Amino acid sequence: MKLLLVDDDQDILNMIKVFLKDKDFDIITSSNGEEAYQIIIKEKPDLAIIDGLIPGIHGFELCKKVKEDEGMENSPEIIIMSSLYKGMKYRLDVIKTYHADDYLPKPIVKEELLSKIDKLVTKRSKKLEEVQDIWKQDTRHRVK
């Protein structure tokens, strides 16, 4: 699976890479919103972990732009990170307003990050299985 990490703090990117070293991800990194958007279009990652306050298109707006883009098939599952905005109010706002799949406050706790990633990978796998099942059913109907 492809995973996009977006943060303008190289130490955070490096730390998350270390946390994920035992996972089987093809990791792509970016430090700003415009570049990250282009990577999402070109590379089609399965999962994106995006800092809320990155240069260019802020992470919150980037998430909303990706999730609301009707031309983007299979948009990635997105976790928004933030050290500034914390608490349940912000978590709900990030999910409801910006359509993020989850929210992760900083400082990052490894176990919490891995748990959220595992949950979204499972969700993504189920979605892909459903799409494959629909495709198979559609193909069977066309063959008859």
C-alpha atoms as a PDB file:
ATOM      1  CA  MET A   1       0.000   0.000   0.000  1.00  0.00           C
ATOM      2  CA  LYS A   2       1.103   3.537  -0.728  1.00  0.00           C
ATOM      3  CA  LEU A   3       1.219   6.005   2.138  1.00  0.00           C
ATOM      4  CA  LEU A   4       1.733   9.746   1.765  1.00  0.00           C
ATOM      5  CA  LEU A   5       3.217  11.663   4.723  1.00  0.00           C
ATOM      6  CA  VAL A   6       2.830  15.442   4.616  1.00  0.00           C
ATOM      7  CA  ASP A   7       4.513  17.701   7.165  1.00  0.00           C
ATOM      8  CA  ASP A   8       6.888  20.637   6.917  1.00  0.00           C
ATOM      9  CA  ASP A   9       8.823  19.324   9.915  1.00  0.00           C
ATOM     10  CA  GLN A  10      11.396  16.816   8.670  1.00  0.00           C
ATOM     11  CA  ASP A  11      11.815  15.419  12.197  1.00  0.00           C
ATOM     12  CA  ILE A  12       8.123  14.448  12.268  1.00  0.00           C
ATOM     13  CA  LEU A  13       8.405  12.787   8.853  1.00  0.00           C
ATOM     14  CA  ASN A  14      11.462  10.852  10.004  1.00  0.00           C
ATOM     15  CA  MET A  15       9.811   9.818  13.277  1.00  0.00           C
ATOM     16  CA  ILE A  16       6.708   8.483  11.501  1.00  0.00           C
ATOM     17  CA  LYS A  17       8.915   6.582   9.048  1.00  0.00           C
ATOM     18  CA  VAL A  18      10.674   4.948  12.010  1.00  0.00           C
ATOM     19  CA  PHE A  19       7.285   4.061  13.559  1.00  0.00           C
ATOM     20  CA  LEU A  20       6.268   2.423  10.266  1.00  0.00           C
ATOM     21  CA  LYS A  21       9.538   0.636   9.491  1.00  0.00           C
ATOM     22  CA  ASP A  22       7.997  -2.793  10.210  1.00  0.00           C
ATOM     23  CA  LYS A  23       4.913  -2.098   8.105  1.00  0.00           C
ATOM     24  CA  ASP A  24       4.744  -2.866   4.419  1.00  0.00           C
ATOM     25  CA  PHE A  25       4.178   0.641   3.034  1.00  0.00           C
ATOM     26  CA  ASP A  26       5.598   2.404   0.021  1.00  0.00           C
ATOM     27  CA  ILE A  27       6.120   5.789   1.752  1.00  0.00           C
ATOM     28  CA  ILE A  28       6.075   9.075  -0.163  1.00  0.00           C
ATOM     29  CA  THR A  29       6.741  12.374   1.633  1.00  0.00           C
ATOM     30  CA  SER A  30       5.907  16.007   0.974  1.00  0.00           C
ATOM     31  CA  SER A  31       6.391  19.232   2.902  1.00  0.00           C
ATOM     32  CA  ASN A  32       3.640  21.403   1.395  1.00  0.00           C
ATOM     33  CA  GLY A  33       0.031  21.233   0.306  1.00  0.00           C
ATOM     34  CA  GLU A  34       0.374  21.971  -3.403  1.00  0.00           C
ATOM     35  CA  GLU A  35       3.005  19.287  -3.908  1.00  0.00           C
ATOM     36  CA  ALA A  36       0.988  16.836  -1.802  1.00  0.00           C
ATOM     37  CA  TYR A  37      -2.112  17.420  -3.942  1.00  0.00           C
ATOM     38  CA  GLN A  38      -0.140  16.692  -7.115  1.00  0.00           C
ATOM     39  CA  ILE A  39       1.284  13.540  -5.516  1.00  0.00           C
ATOM     40  CA  ILE A  40      -2.222  12.384  -4.589  1.00  0.00           C
ATOM     41  CA  ILE A  41      -3.378  12.869  -8.193  1.00  0.00           C
ATOM     42  CA  LYS A  42      -0.328  11.163  -9.714  1.00  0.00           C
ATOM     43  CA  GLU A  43       0.559   8.432  -7.186  1.00  0.00           C
ATOM     44  CA  LYS A  44      -2.934   7.642  -5.835  1.00  0.00           C
ATOM     45  CA  PRO A  45      -1.864   6.699  -2.289  1.00  0.00           C
ATOM     46  CA  ASP A  46      -4.135   4.474  -0.222  1.00  0.00           C
ATOM     47  CA  LEU A  47      -3.523   6.469   2.945  1.00  0.00           C
ATOM     48  CA  ALA A  48      -2.365  10.018   3.659  1.00  0.00           C
ATOM     49  CA  ILE A  49      -1.219  11.415   6.992  1.00  0.00           C
ATOM     50  CA  ILE A  50      -1.315  15.193   6.708  1.00  0.00           C
ATOM     51  CA  ASP A  51      -0.337  17.932   9.149  1.00  0.00           C
ATOM     52  CA  GLY A  52      -3.100  20.505   9.456  1.00  0.00           C
ATOM     53  CA  LEU A  53      -0.814  23.521   9.202  1.00  0.00           C
ATOM     54  CA  ILE A  54       1.499  23.029   6.241  1.00  0.00           C
ATOM     55  CA  PRO A  55       2.646  25.696   3.766  1.00  0.00           C
ATOM     56  CA  GLY A  56       0.574  26.333   0.660  1.00  0.00           C
ATOM     57  CA  ILE A  57      -2.758  24.582   0.832  1.00  0.00           C
ATOM     58  CA  HIS A  58      -3.268  23.943   4.548  1.00  0.00           C
ATOM     59  CA  GLY A  59      -3.724  20.305   5.475  1.00  0.00           C
ATOM     60  CA  PHE A  60      -7.354  20.846   6.454  1.00  0.00           C
ATOM     61  CA  GLU A  61      -8.184  22.413   3.080  1.00  0.00           C
ATOM     62  CA  LEU A  62      -6.117  19.807   1.235  1.00  0.00           C
ATOM     63  CA  CYS A  63      -8.141  17.058   2.873  1.00  0.00           C
ATOM     64  CA  LYS A  64     -11.430  18.735   1.971  1.00  0.00           C
ATOM     65  CA  LYS A  65     -10.276  19.365  -1.612  1.00  0.00           C
ATOM     66  CA  VAL A  66      -9.299  15.713  -2.084  1.00  0.00           C
ATOM     67  CA  LYS A  67     -12.438  14.295  -0.474  1.00  0.00           C
ATOM     68  CA  GLU A  68     -14.785  16.596  -2.417  1.00  0.00           C
ATOM     69  CA  ASP A  69     -13.103  16.080  -5.805  1.00  0.00           C
ATOM     70  CA  GLU A  70     -15.651  13.995  -7.720  1.00  0.00           C
ATOM     71  CA  GLY A  71     -13.107  13.278 -10.448  1.00  0.00           C
ATOM     72  CA  MET A  72     -10.734  11.619  -8.001  1.00  0.00           C
ATOM     73  CA  GLU A  73     -11.495   7.922  -7.900  1.00  0.00           C
ATOM     74  CA  ASN A  74     -10.588   6.117  -4.702  1.00  0.00           C
ATOM     75  CA  SER A  75      -9.401   9.123  -2.740  1.00  0.00           C
ATOM     76  CA  PRO A  76      -7.045   8.087   0.049  1.00  0.00           C
ATOM     77  CA  GLU A  77      -8.057   7.510   3.630  1.00  0.00           C
ATOM     78  CA  ILE A  78      -6.795  10.634   5.413  1.00  0.00           C
ATOM     79  CA  ILE A  79      -5.560  11.253   8.949  1.00  0.00           C
ATOM     80  CA  ILE A  80      -5.115  14.914   9.876  1.00  0.00           C
ATOM     81  CA  MET A  81      -2.467  15.704  12.520  1.00  0.00           C
ATOM     82  CA  SER A  82      -2.262  18.871  14.576  1.00  0.00           C
ATOM     83  CA  SER A  83      -0.335  20.161  17.549  1.00  0.00           C
ATOM     84  CA  LEU A  84      -2.343  23.366  17.751  1.00  0.00           C
ATOM     85  CA  TYR A  85      -5.891  22.040  17.616  1.00  0.00           C
ATOM     86  CA  LYS A  86      -6.579  19.394  20.233  1.00  0.00           C
ATOM     87  CA  GLY A  87      -9.590  17.858  21.900  1.00  0.00           C
ATOM     88  CA  MET A  88     -12.853  16.239  20.859  1.00  0.00           C
ATOM     89  CA  LYS A  89     -14.291  19.471  19.395  1.00  0.00           C
ATOM     90  CA  TYR A  90     -11.470  19.697  16.849  1.00  0.00           C
ATOM     91  CA  ARG A  91     -11.540  15.983  16.089  1.00  0.00           C
ATOM     92  CA  LEU A  92     -15.231  16.182  15.248  1.00  0.00           C
ATOM     93  CA  ASP A  93     -14.727  19.378  13.232  1.00  0.00           C
ATOM     94  CA  VAL A  94     -11.898  17.838  11.196  1.00  0.00           C
ATOM     95  CA  ILE A  95     -14.021  14.791  10.396  1.00  0.00           C
ATOM     96  CA  LYS A  96     -17.297  16.623   9.772  1.00  0.00           C
ATOM     97  CA  THR A  97     -16.122  19.818   8.047  1.00  0.00           C
ATOM     98  CA  TYR A  98     -13.001  18.642   6.240  1.00  0.00           C
ATOM     99  CA  HIS A  99     -14.054  14.998   5.693  1.00  0.00           C
ATOM    100  CA  ALA A 100     -10.937  13.477   7.244  1.00  0.00           C
ATOM    101  CA  ASP A 101     -11.200   9.814   8.109  1.00  0.00           C
ATOM    102  CA  ASP A 102      -9.455  10.345  11.441  1.00  0.00           C
ATOM    103  CA  TYR A 103      -7.615  12.889  13.558  1.00  0.00           C
ATOM    104  CA  LEU A 104      -4.330  12.572  15.438  1.00  0.00           C
ATOM    105  CA  PRO A 105      -3.166  15.169  17.963  1.00  0.00           C
ATOM    106  CA  LYS A 106       0.534  15.904  18.327  1.00  0.00           C
ATOM    107  CA  PRO A 107       2.776  14.971  20.003  1.00  0.00           C
ATOM    108  CA  ILE A 108       2.314  11.674  18.222  1.00  0.00           C
ATOM    109  CA  VAL A 109       1.979   8.550  20.319  1.00  0.00           C
ATOM    110  CA  LYS A 110       3.271   5.579  18.326  1.00  0.00           C
ATOM    111  CA  GLU A 111       0.617   3.113  19.494  1.00  0.00           C
ATOM    112  CA  GLU A 112      -2.203   5.565  18.717  1.00  0.00           C
ATOM    113  CA  LEU A 113      -0.812   6.257  15.241  1.00  0.00           C
ATOM    114  CA  LEU A 114      -0.407   2.551  14.447  1.00  0.00           C
ATOM    115  CA  SER A 115      -3.908   1.796  15.723  1.00  0.00           C
ATOM    116  CA  LYS A 116      -5.444   4.494  13.515  1.00  0.00           C
ATOM    117  CA  ILE A 117      -3.461   3.317  10.504  1.00  0.00           C
ATOM    118  CA  ASP A 118      -4.496  -0.308  11.055  1.00  0.00           C
ATOM    119  CA  LYS A 119      -8.147   0.741  11.315  1.00  0.00           C
ATOM    120  CA  LEU A 120      -7.994   2.712   8.064  1.00  0.00           C
ATOM    121  CA  VAL A 121      -6.045   0.019   6.213  1.00  0.00           C
ATOM    122  CA  THR A 122      -8.770  -2.465   7.186  1.00  0.00           C
ATOM    123  CA  LYS A 123     -11.457   0.005   6.058  1.00  0.00           C
ATOM    124  CA  ARG A 124      -9.619   0.552   2.751  1.00  0.00           C
ATOM    125  CA  SER A 125      -9.226  -3.181   2.147  1.00  0.00           C
ATOM    126  CA  LYS A 126     -12.952  -3.743   2.713  1.00  0.00           C
ATOM    127  CA  LYS A 127     -13.796  -0.943   0.276  1.00  0.00           C
ATOM    128  CA  LEU A 128     -11.539  -2.455  -2.372  1.00  0.00           C
ATOM    129  CA  GLU A 129     -13.082  -5.898  -1.845  1.00  0.00           C
ATOM    130  CA  GLU A 130     -16.570  -4.404  -2.270  1.00  0.00           C
ATOM    131  CA  VAL A 131     -15.535  -2.692  -5.506  1.00  0.00           C
ATOM    132  CA  GLN A 132     -14.034  -5.939  -6.802  1.00  0.00           C
ATOM    133  CA  ASP A 133     -17.214  -7.855  -5.909  1.00  0.00           C
ATOM    134  CA  ILE A 134     -19.370  -5.292  -7.738  1.00  0.00           C
ATOM    135  CA  TRP A 135     -17.059  -5.462 -10.740  1.00  0.00           C
ATOM    136  CA  LYS A 136     -17.222  -9.269 -10.783  1.00  0.00           C
ATOM    137  CA  GLN A 137     -21.028  -9.215 -10.570  1.00  0.00           C
ATOM    138  CA  ASP A 138     -21.232  -6.624 -13.327  1.00  0.00           C
ATOM    139  CA  THR A 139     -18.909  -8.689 -15.524  1.00  0.00           C
ATOM    140  CA  ARG A 140     -21.011 -11.832 -14.974  1.00  0.00           C
ATOM    141  CA  HIS A 141     -24.176  -9.968 -16.003  1.00  0.00           C
ATOM    142  CA  ARG A 142     -22.524  -8.695 -19.177  1.00  0.00           C
ATOM    143  CA  VAL A 143     -21.311 -12.158 -20.178  1.00  0.00           C
ATOM    144  CA  LYS A 144     -24.818 -13.689 -20.047  1.00  0.00           C
END
